[in-house]
Structures are given as structure tokens and as C-alpha cells.
């Protein structure tokens, strides 16, 4: 006579214990894996972005604006000329700002400084800011990426 009672208690307990151990490992490893491999940022396909009106940029001022998925900084020099750069510092990717008192772009993280041409002039930044092209379309200020 054969005994077809199904799995024994011991095998059922072993199966439940291994399942819960696997679940615990998954719960603990998931955040670590997400941290180690962050999702890629989708870049917008826009060739040109309107960032404001000309009156929004008075002489000797700067404004951080959104350009695709990253910030950009638009600077109006003391003479009223518009210039634009990526607002991401080339040292540790902090957001830079315009300092009208010193007439330069400044990174508060480690006192990095860039001149109004985007060149790194003081502090730890290893290279210049990425320049963007600025154009006026009527009264709109339009940013575009520089072609390499």
C-alpha cells in the first residue's frame, strides 16, 4: 500500500523557511541595487528652449533656469550682453550662481569661480562650464546647445 499524503511537515517547514529567507534577502538587496545603478535620465529632444523674456534679465544679473533635465544659468553682463552656461559645476555637480558684486559665476560648495566666459579661474573646478548659445526671438530669450 502506498502512502500519498503529500509533503511531510519537515519539507513544508523547510520550504517556508527558505522562501522567507529569500524574501528577506530581496527586501534588503533591492534598495542597494537601486542605489548602485540609478536610472538614466531621459534627455529632452528640444533643440531650443525659451527661458524668459528679455526684461527678465536686467544688466548685471543672473538667473538659473531649466534647460532640458539640467539647470542652466543665463547672465546679463553689466553691458547688457546675454551669456548662458550649464549651471552644473564641473567639480562636484553643485548648482552655480551669478555674483553681481564680483561679476562672476560662483559655486558655493567649494568656492569655485568662473569668469563671464565660463572659464574656471579659482577653486577646485577642473574645467570650464559648458557654454550654451543664447538668441533673442522677438522679446523671448532662447537657449540652444552648442554644436561640437
Foldseek 3Di string as FASTA:
>chain_A
DDDPPDDDPVVVVVVVVVVVVVVVVCVVCVVVVCVVDPDDDDWDPDQKDFFFFLVVADELAKDWGDDTPFIKIWHQHNVRDIWIFGQQFQPHGAGWGADSVVQWIFGPPFGWTAHPVQATDDTDRPGGTQTWDWDQDPRTIMTGHDDD
